[in-house]
Protein backbone atom coordinates (compact mmCIF):
# COMPACT_ATOMS: atom_id res chain seq x y z
CA MET A 1 31.38 51.78 -4.84
CA ARG A 2 29.45 52.42 -8.05
CA GLN A 3 28.61 48.76 -8.55
CA GLU A 4 27.59 47.90 -4.99
CA TRP A 5 23.90 47.55 -5.86
CA PHE A 6 24.84 45.54 -8.96
CA ASP A 7 26.88 43.04 -6.94
CA GLU A 8 23.95 42.71 -4.54
CA ALA A 9 21.25 42.20 -7.18
CA ARG A 10 22.97 39.44 -9.19
CA PHE A 11 19.93 38.93 -11.47
CA GLY A 12 18.39 41.28 -14.02
CA MET A 13 15.99 41.34 -16.94
CA PHE A 14 16.87 42.45 -20.46
CA VAL A 15 13.99 43.61 -22.68
CA HIS A 16 14.50 43.75 -26.45
CA PHE A 17 11.61 45.48 -28.20
CA GLY A 18 11.35 47.39 -31.44
CA ILE A 19 9.94 47.26 -34.94
CA TYR A 20 11.89 44.02 -35.49
CA SER A 21 9.39 42.52 -33.04
CA VAL A 22 6.72 43.00 -35.73
CA ALA A 23 8.92 41.15 -38.23
CA ALA A 24 9.08 38.38 -35.60
CA ARG A 25 12.18 36.71 -36.97
CA HIS A 26 15.18 38.00 -34.99
CA GLU A 27 16.31 41.50 -34.07
CA TRP A 28 18.99 41.33 -36.79
CA VAL A 29 16.44 40.56 -39.51
CA GLN A 30 17.26 43.70 -41.52
CA SER A 31 20.94 42.75 -41.69
CA TYR A 32 20.49 38.99 -42.05
CA GLU A 33 18.02 39.35 -44.92
CA ARG A 34 19.70 42.41 -46.51
CA LEU A 35 16.45 44.37 -46.30
CA THR A 36 16.36 47.83 -47.83
CA ASP A 37 14.89 50.78 -45.97
CA ASP A 38 11.78 50.40 -48.16
CA ASP A 39 11.52 46.68 -47.31
CA TYR A 40 11.86 47.45 -43.61
CA ARG A 41 9.48 50.42 -43.62
CA GLN A 42 6.39 48.21 -43.35
CA TYR A 43 7.36 47.22 -39.81
CA PHE A 44 7.68 50.88 -38.82
CA GLU A 45 4.31 51.75 -40.34
CA HIS A 46 2.59 48.86 -38.56
CA PHE A 47 4.25 49.21 -35.18
CA ASP A 48 1.39 49.43 -32.70
CA PRO A 49 2.51 48.48 -29.18
CA ASP A 50 -1.02 48.38 -27.79
CA ARG A 51 -0.13 45.55 -25.38
CA PHE A 52 3.18 46.99 -24.18
CA ASP A 53 2.61 47.32 -20.43
CA ALA A 54 5.75 48.56 -18.71
CA ARG A 55 4.15 48.04 -15.31
CA ALA A 56 3.49 44.37 -16.08
CA ILE A 57 7.06 43.88 -17.30
CA ALA A 58 8.53 45.51 -14.20
CA ARG A 59 6.26 43.52 -11.93
CA GLN A 60 7.20 40.29 -13.71
CA ALA A 61 10.88 41.11 -13.20
CA ARG A 62 10.41 41.78 -9.50
CA GLU A 63 8.38 38.60 -9.03
CA ALA A 64 11.11 36.63 -10.79
CA GLY A 65 13.57 37.84 -8.16
CA MET A 66 15.37 40.32 -10.40
CA GLY A 67 16.85 43.56 -9.09
CA TYR A 68 17.08 45.61 -12.29
CA VAL A 69 15.60 45.84 -15.78
CA VAL A 70 17.28 47.00 -18.99
CA LEU A 71 15.27 48.20 -22.03
CA THR A 72 16.46 48.73 -25.58
CA THR A 73 16.11 52.45 -26.29
CA LYS A 74 17.43 52.00 -29.84
CA HIS A 75 18.72 48.88 -31.57
CA HIS A 76 20.96 48.61 -34.63
CA ASP A 77 18.09 49.42 -37.00
CA GLY A 78 17.97 52.95 -35.55
CA PHE A 79 14.34 52.83 -34.37
CA CYS A 80 13.92 54.61 -31.03
CA LEU A 81 11.52 53.80 -28.21
CA PHE A 82 11.81 57.33 -26.85
CA ASP A 83 10.74 60.80 -27.91
CA SER A 84 13.94 62.06 -29.50
CA ALA A 85 14.17 65.57 -30.89
CA LEU A 86 16.82 64.29 -33.33
CA THR A 87 14.71 61.82 -35.35
CA ASP A 88 11.13 60.95 -36.20
CA PHE A 89 12.06 57.24 -36.53
CA SER A 90 10.52 56.48 -33.15
CA SER A 91 7.64 55.07 -31.18
CA GLN A 92 6.51 58.63 -30.51
CA GLN A 93 5.99 59.06 -34.24
CA THR A 94 4.24 55.74 -34.84
CA SER A 95 2.10 55.46 -31.71
CA GLY A 96 2.36 58.74 -29.81
CA ARG A 97 4.06 56.94 -26.93
CA ASP A 98 7.44 57.43 -25.28
CA LEU A 99 7.99 53.83 -24.19
CA VAL A 100 11.23 54.67 -22.39
CA ARG A 101 9.33 57.15 -20.20
CA GLU A 102 6.71 54.52 -19.40
CA PHE A 103 9.46 52.00 -18.66
CA VAL A 104 11.57 54.09 -16.28
CA ASP A 105 8.49 55.17 -14.32
CA ALA A 106 7.26 51.58 -13.99
CA VAL A 107 10.63 50.12 -12.99
CA ARG A 108 11.17 52.74 -10.32
CA ALA A 109 7.66 52.13 -8.98
CA GLU A 110 8.56 48.45 -8.44
CA GLY A 111 11.69 49.45 -6.49
CA LEU A 112 14.07 48.15 -9.17
CA LYS A 113 17.13 49.74 -10.74
CA VAL A 114 16.69 51.37 -14.15
CA GLY A 115 18.85 50.19 -17.04
CA LEU A 116 18.95 51.40 -20.63
CA TYR A 117 20.45 49.74 -23.70
CA HIS A 118 21.57 51.93 -26.57
CA SER A 119 23.15 50.74 -29.80
CA VAL A 120 26.00 52.82 -31.18
CA ILE A 121 25.15 51.29 -34.57
CA ASP A 122 22.40 52.84 -36.72
CA TRP A 123 21.57 51.39 -40.12
CA HIS A 124 18.81 53.95 -40.63
CA HIS A 125 20.94 57.07 -40.24
CA PRO A 126 22.06 58.51 -43.61
CA ASP A 127 25.58 59.26 -42.34
CA PHE A 128 26.29 55.85 -40.82
CA THR A 129 28.73 54.25 -43.22
CA VAL A 130 28.19 50.83 -44.78
CA ASP A 131 30.36 48.13 -43.17
CA TRP A 132 30.31 44.35 -42.80
CA ASN A 133 27.25 44.42 -40.53
CA HIS A 134 25.23 46.85 -42.62
CA PRO A 135 22.18 45.55 -44.54
CA ARG A 136 23.45 47.20 -47.76
CA ARG A 137 26.88 45.54 -47.70
CA ASP A 138 26.08 43.20 -50.62
CA ASP A 139 24.52 45.77 -52.95
CA GLU A 140 26.19 46.06 -56.35
CA ASN A 141 27.00 49.70 -55.62
CA ALA A 142 27.68 49.17 -51.92
CA ALA A 143 31.02 51.00 -51.87
CA ALA A 144 29.50 53.98 -53.65
CA LEU A 145 26.83 54.23 -50.96
CA ASN A 146 29.44 55.64 -48.59
CA GLU A 147 30.08 58.65 -50.81
CA GLY A 148 28.86 61.68 -48.91
CA ARG A 149 28.28 59.83 -45.65
CA ASP A 150 29.97 61.51 -42.72
CA MET A 151 30.60 59.63 -39.48
CA ALA A 152 31.38 62.93 -37.74
CA ARG A 153 27.77 63.98 -38.29
CA TYR A 154 26.62 60.57 -37.10
CA ARG A 155 28.75 60.86 -33.94
CA GLU A 156 27.10 64.18 -33.16
CA TYR A 157 23.70 62.47 -33.53
CA LEU A 158 24.76 59.51 -31.36
CA HIS A 159 26.11 61.70 -28.58
CA GLY A 160 23.02 63.90 -28.79
CA GLN A 161 20.67 60.96 -28.29
CA VAL A 162 22.67 59.63 -25.35
CA GLN A 163 22.52 63.11 -23.84
CA GLU A 164 18.73 63.07 -24.23
CA LEU A 165 18.48 59.74 -22.45
CA LEU A 166 20.71 60.83 -19.58
CA THR A 167 19.06 64.22 -18.99
CA GLN A 168 15.35 63.69 -19.60
CA TYR A 169 14.50 60.56 -17.59
CA GLY A 170 15.89 61.18 -14.13
CA ARG A 171 18.45 58.92 -12.52
CA ILE A 172 19.67 56.07 -14.72
CA ASP A 173 21.48 53.29 -12.89
CA TYR A 174 22.93 51.30 -15.79
CA LEU A 175 23.76 51.87 -19.46
CA PHE A 176 24.50 49.02 -21.85
CA PHE A 177 26.15 50.22 -25.05
CA ASP A 178 26.23 47.83 -28.03
CA PHE A 179 28.77 47.34 -29.75
CA THR A 180 32.26 47.91 -31.17
CA TYR A 181 33.72 45.74 -33.97
CA PRO A 182 37.09 47.10 -35.15
CA GLU A 183 38.14 44.05 -37.17
CA SER A 184 37.83 43.98 -40.96
CA ARG A 185 35.75 41.35 -42.73
CA ASP A 186 34.75 40.56 -46.32
CA GLY A 187 36.65 43.57 -47.61
CA TRP A 188 34.91 45.99 -45.25
CA ALA A 189 36.44 47.85 -42.35
CA GLY A 190 34.73 47.58 -38.98
CA LYS A 191 34.19 50.33 -36.44
CA GLY A 192 36.40 50.82 -33.39
CA PRO A 193 36.24 53.22 -30.44
CA ASP A 194 37.20 56.16 -32.66
CA ALA A 195 34.00 55.68 -34.67
CA TRP A 196 31.99 56.66 -31.60
CA ASP A 197 34.60 58.95 -30.00
CA ALA A 198 34.27 56.51 -27.13
CA GLU A 199 36.35 58.45 -24.63
CA ALA A 200 34.22 61.57 -25.03
CA LEU A 201 31.01 59.54 -24.97
CA LEU A 202 31.98 57.77 -21.76
CA GLY A 203 33.12 61.09 -20.31
CA MET A 204 29.70 62.58 -21.00
CA CYS A 205 28.08 59.62 -19.26
CA ARG A 206 30.27 60.18 -16.20
CA GLU A 207 29.44 63.87 -16.15
CA LEU A 208 25.67 63.52 -16.58
CA GLN A 209 25.12 60.37 -14.50
CA PRO A 210 28.19 59.93 -12.25
CA ASP A 211 26.75 56.98 -10.33
CA MET A 212 25.66 55.08 -13.44
CA LEU A 213 27.29 51.79 -14.42
CA VAL A 214 28.49 51.57 -18.04
CA ASN A 215 29.47 48.36 -19.81
CA ASP A 216 32.56 47.64 -21.90
CA ARG A 217 31.14 47.68 -25.42
CA LEU A 218 32.38 51.08 -26.49
CA GLY A 219 35.68 49.30 -26.96
CA ILE A 220 37.33 50.97 -23.96
CA PRO A 221 37.42 49.92 -20.29
CA ALA A 222 34.43 50.91 -18.19
CA ASP A 223 32.63 49.34 -15.21
CA PHE A 224 31.83 45.76 -16.19
CA VAL A 225 32.32 43.19 -18.92
CA THR A 226 29.56 41.36 -20.74
CA PRO A 227 30.08 37.76 -21.86
CA GLU A 228 27.17 36.94 -24.15
CA GLN A 229 25.47 33.60 -24.79
CA TYR A 230 28.10 31.58 -22.93
CA GLN A 231 29.00 30.87 -19.33
CA PRO A 232 32.49 31.64 -17.98
CA THR A 233 34.14 28.75 -16.15
CA ALA A 234 35.94 30.75 -13.45
CA PRO A 235 35.76 34.20 -11.85
CA LEU A 236 36.94 36.79 -14.38
CA VAL A 237 40.15 38.70 -13.74
CA ASP A 238 42.07 41.36 -15.65
CA GLU A 239 45.62 41.08 -17.00
CA HIS A 240 46.95 41.83 -13.51
CA GLY A 241 44.85 39.16 -11.84
CA ALA A 242 42.44 41.64 -10.23
CA PRO A 243 38.75 40.61 -10.13
CA ARG A 244 36.52 41.97 -12.88
CA VAL A 245 32.87 42.90 -12.47
CA TRP A 246 30.93 40.91 -15.04
CA GLU A 247 27.48 39.98 -16.24
CA ALA A 248 26.49 37.06 -18.49
CA CYS A 249 23.84 38.15 -21.01
CA GLN A 250 21.56 35.24 -21.85
CA THR A 251 18.51 34.63 -24.01
CA LEU A 252 15.60 32.29 -23.46
CA ASN A 253 15.81 30.84 -26.97
CA GLY A 254 18.87 32.23 -28.77
CA SER A 255 17.08 35.34 -30.08
CA TRP A 256 17.01 38.70 -28.35
CA GLY A 257 14.06 40.16 -30.24
CA TYR A 258 10.76 38.30 -30.61
CA HIS A 259 11.21 35.30 -32.90
CA ARG A 260 7.85 33.65 -33.35
CA ASP A 261 9.09 30.38 -34.85
CA ASN A 262 12.12 29.86 -32.61
CA THR A 263 10.94 27.36 -30.00
CA ASP A 264 14.39 26.30 -28.78
CA GLN A 265 13.58 27.40 -25.25
CA LYS A 266 15.95 26.87 -22.37
CA SER A 267 14.27 25.08 -19.50
CA PRO A 268 13.66 26.92 -16.21
CA THR A 269 15.91 24.34 -14.52
CA LEU A 270 18.80 25.10 -16.88
CA LEU A 271 18.31 28.83 -16.36
CA VAL A 272 18.46 28.70 -12.55
CA GLN A 273 21.55 26.51 -12.85
CA MET A 274 23.11 29.15 -15.11
CA LEU A 275 22.16 31.85 -12.62
CA ALA A 276 23.72 29.97 -9.69
CA ASP A 277 26.77 29.21 -11.83
CA SER A 278 27.22 32.91 -12.57
CA VAL A 279 26.90 33.94 -8.93
CA SER A 280 29.30 31.17 -7.90
CA MET A 281 31.94 32.97 -10.01
CA ASP A 282 31.07 36.45 -8.68
CA GLY A 283 29.04 37.33 -11.76
CA ASN A 284 25.53 38.47 -12.60
CA MET A 285 23.05 37.10 -15.12
CA LEU A 286 20.96 39.35 -17.36
CA LEU A 287 18.13 37.23 -18.77
CA ASN A 288 16.35 38.51 -21.87
CA ILE A 289 12.74 38.57 -22.95
CA GLY A 290 11.55 39.78 -26.35
CA PRO A 291 7.98 41.09 -26.23
CA ASP A 292 5.88 40.23 -29.28
CA GLY A 293 4.88 42.57 -32.08
CA ARG A 294 2.14 44.14 -29.94
CA GLY A 295 4.43 44.50 -26.92
CA ALA A 296 3.15 41.63 -24.77
CA ILE A 297 5.40 39.14 -22.98
CA ALA A 298 5.08 35.91 -24.96
CA PRO A 299 3.20 33.23 -22.97
CA ARG A 300 6.13 30.81 -23.21
CA ASP A 301 8.44 33.45 -21.70
CA ALA A 302 5.94 34.37 -18.99
CA ARG A 303 5.66 30.71 -17.94
CA THR A 304 9.43 30.43 -17.64
CA LEU A 305 9.70 33.63 -15.60
CA GLU A 306 6.91 32.45 -13.29
CA GLU A 307 8.73 29.17 -12.62
CA ILE A 308 11.98 30.98 -11.94
CA GLY A 309 10.09 33.33 -9.64
CA ARG A 310 8.71 30.44 -7.61
CA TRP A 311 12.23 29.09 -7.20
CA MET A 312 13.65 32.51 -6.28
CA LEU A 313 10.93 33.02 -3.67
CA LEU A 314 12.37 30.10 -1.71
CA HIS A 315 16.05 30.40 -2.65
CA ARG A 316 16.63 34.16 -2.91
CA ASP A 317 19.23 34.18 -0.13
CA ALA A 318 21.46 31.86 -2.15
CA ILE A 319 21.55 34.36 -5.05
CA VAL A 320 20.88 37.95 -3.99
CA GLY A 321 23.85 39.37 -2.13
CA ALA A 322 25.77 36.13 -2.58
CA GLY A 323 29.00 35.52 -4.46
CA HIS A 324 31.99 33.28 -4.94
CA ALA A 325 32.99 30.87 -2.15
CA GLU A 326 36.57 29.82 -1.57
CA PHE A 327 35.66 26.18 -0.95
CA THR A 328 35.87 23.40 -3.54
CA PRO A 329 32.34 22.18 -4.29
CA PRO A 330 31.42 18.53 -4.76
CA ARG A 331 30.92 17.17 -8.26
CA GLU A 332 27.14 17.52 -7.96
CA GLY A 333 26.97 21.32 -8.01
CA VAL A 334 28.38 24.75 -7.17
CA TYR A 335 28.69 26.93 -4.08
CA THR A 336 27.62 30.50 -3.48
CA ARG A 337 28.29 32.33 -0.22
CA ARG A 338 26.64 35.17 1.68
CA GLY A 339 28.28 36.03 4.99
CA ASP A 340 28.43 32.94 7.20
CA ARG A 341 26.05 30.99 4.95
CA LEU A 342 27.37 28.66 2.30
CA TYR A 343 24.90 27.46 -0.31
CA LEU A 344 25.30 24.24 -2.24
CA HIS A 345 23.29 24.34 -5.47
CA LEU A 346 22.74 20.73 -6.49
CA PHE A 347 22.67 20.31 -10.27
CA SER A 348 22.18 16.58 -9.73
CA TRP A 349 20.59 14.75 -6.82
CA PRO A 350 22.85 12.03 -5.36
CA LEU A 351 21.66 8.88 -3.64
CA GLY A 352 21.70 9.26 0.12
CA PHE A 353 24.75 11.47 0.65
CA VAL A 354 26.72 14.38 -0.69
CA HIS A 355 30.37 14.66 0.37
CA LEU A 356 31.86 18.11 0.91
CA PRO A 357 35.66 18.42 0.81
CA ASP A 358 37.44 20.28 3.62
CA LEU A 359 34.27 21.23 5.54
CA ALA A 360 34.53 18.79 8.46
CA GLY A 361 34.31 20.79 11.70
CA ARG A 362 33.41 23.98 9.84
CA VAL A 363 29.61 23.64 9.61
CA SER A 364 27.29 24.07 12.58
CA PHE A 365 23.97 23.45 10.82
CA ALA A 366 22.70 22.14 7.48
CA ARG A 367 19.23 22.41 6.01
CA LEU A 368 17.34 22.29 2.75
CA LEU A 369 16.61 25.88 1.81
CA ASN A 370 13.26 25.25 0.13
CA ASP A 371 11.50 24.13 3.35
CA GLY A 372 14.10 24.83 6.05
CA SER A 373 14.30 21.17 7.02
CA TRP A 374 17.34 19.96 8.98
CA LEU A 375 19.84 17.61 7.36
CA LYS A 376 22.06 15.27 9.33
CA THR A 377 25.81 15.65 8.84
CA SER A 378 28.67 13.34 9.76
CA VAL A 379 32.41 13.05 9.33
CA PRO A 380 33.54 9.76 7.78
CA ASP A 381 36.06 7.65 9.65
CA PRO A 382 39.36 8.12 7.80
CA ASP A 383 40.29 4.52 8.66
CA GLN A 384 37.11 3.10 7.16
CA HIS A 385 37.63 0.57 4.37
CA ASP A 386 35.08 0.14 1.65
CA THR A 387 33.20 -3.13 1.29
CA HIS A 388 30.22 -4.25 -0.75
CA MET A 389 27.94 -2.46 1.79
CA THR A 390 30.23 0.41 2.90
CA PRO A 391 30.92 3.62 0.93
CA THR A 392 34.32 4.30 -0.56
CA LEU A 393 36.77 6.03 1.76
CA GLN A 394 36.48 9.83 1.71
CA ASP A 395 39.43 12.18 2.02
CA GLU A 396 40.26 13.43 5.48
CA GLY A 397 38.39 16.63 6.30
CA THR A 398 35.31 15.67 4.29
CA LEU A 399 31.86 16.49 5.66
CA THR A 400 29.03 14.19 4.63
CA VAL A 401 25.49 15.54 4.37
CA HIS A 402 22.73 12.93 4.56
CA LEU A 403 19.94 13.39 2.02
CA PRO A 404 16.42 12.02 1.65
CA VAL A 405 15.90 9.67 -1.25
CA GLN A 406 13.20 11.91 -2.69
CA ARG A 407 14.55 15.00 -4.38
CA PRO A 408 12.74 18.19 -3.31
CA ASP A 409 10.14 19.27 -5.85
CA VAL A 410 11.92 22.47 -6.90
CA LEU A 411 13.82 23.42 -10.05
CA MET A 412 17.16 23.01 -8.26
CA PRO A 413 17.61 21.97 -4.63
CA VAL A 414 19.86 24.11 -2.45
CA ILE A 415 21.47 23.13 0.85
CA GLU A 416 22.23 25.96 3.25
CA LEU A 417 25.27 25.39 5.45
CA THR A 418 25.90 27.65 8.43
CA LEU A 419 29.62 28.09 8.82
CA ALA A 420 31.02 27.76 12.31
CA ASP A 421 33.90 30.18 11.80
């Protein structure tokens, strides 16, 4: 199946980089602050990615336990990180560098899958009509700005750039389009699948890269769905109850592009819990970094990735190639499963014991995954009555795992249970 490698990997890196990284206050800064093209031009003219090291980014992803990396080729501002024959609003023009070329070569060299992000929005293009996301939406003459703009010409440009990306960089494993917004707001119409000629665009993707995964943000069904900045609470299914392939897109601090003054960082512990939570529901997690204005991974982001990498080094088997387990987990955490191994990810560390419903007689061995150390198991006596020194009666079929008082010194402890059947 097309997504077999994706289901195996479970964990990927998103990289948002562009001239908004020089502005250093969110990748939507042009829209949020209603910046004109002249206002925004300074970031283009001073874009100098002298510290952008695709090899270092790819290596950091691999060391963090990730299986694929996704780079922004063009964000909503229209600035391209590749050498496009269709525009000079690009890194090739500002720095003489095709950063997409550097990226795909580096990611392949690390043995990872290559992913590209491409926005179907383009505030820089003269034919892209003003709408409720556009930076010019509040101008006094905003409606008049659409006179003479032609979305048909823009569609030709959009399709042409996607064709460049899918024919000039070898095999592409993953394409993340962003995004469709058909609803109207503040007196402006949005843009639905017809704005991009989504069917034809997806058809071209299938023709040029038949094994490539494509997300759902053209506004039509494709290969996987992309919940963003929230965690689902159950495996995702379609209207017929069939499982959906999905990936939670998450930031380190709420911003996708580099935001110098946003220090609301998620802790490494929270992030590995989110990763395990995603895998427990048969999903992936795509974790974003936003390199700074010179292209370097911010030190705070690098520290987080290094901590996650240390955890993944010991607990990789509980994530990579794992998925949803049919068993009901205890209140302290979630399960993932890979073959005959069931993994209990403990979000909290209980005193002395953890009780596992319906697993009595079904587990042949239990151990802490971080150091491989054996854990005693027992089946409570169903006739046992609780006293001031005896635990409360457990339901029949419960397996009790005995724990040391000291919590293992890892971001999140994991117990590996070998299933007997």
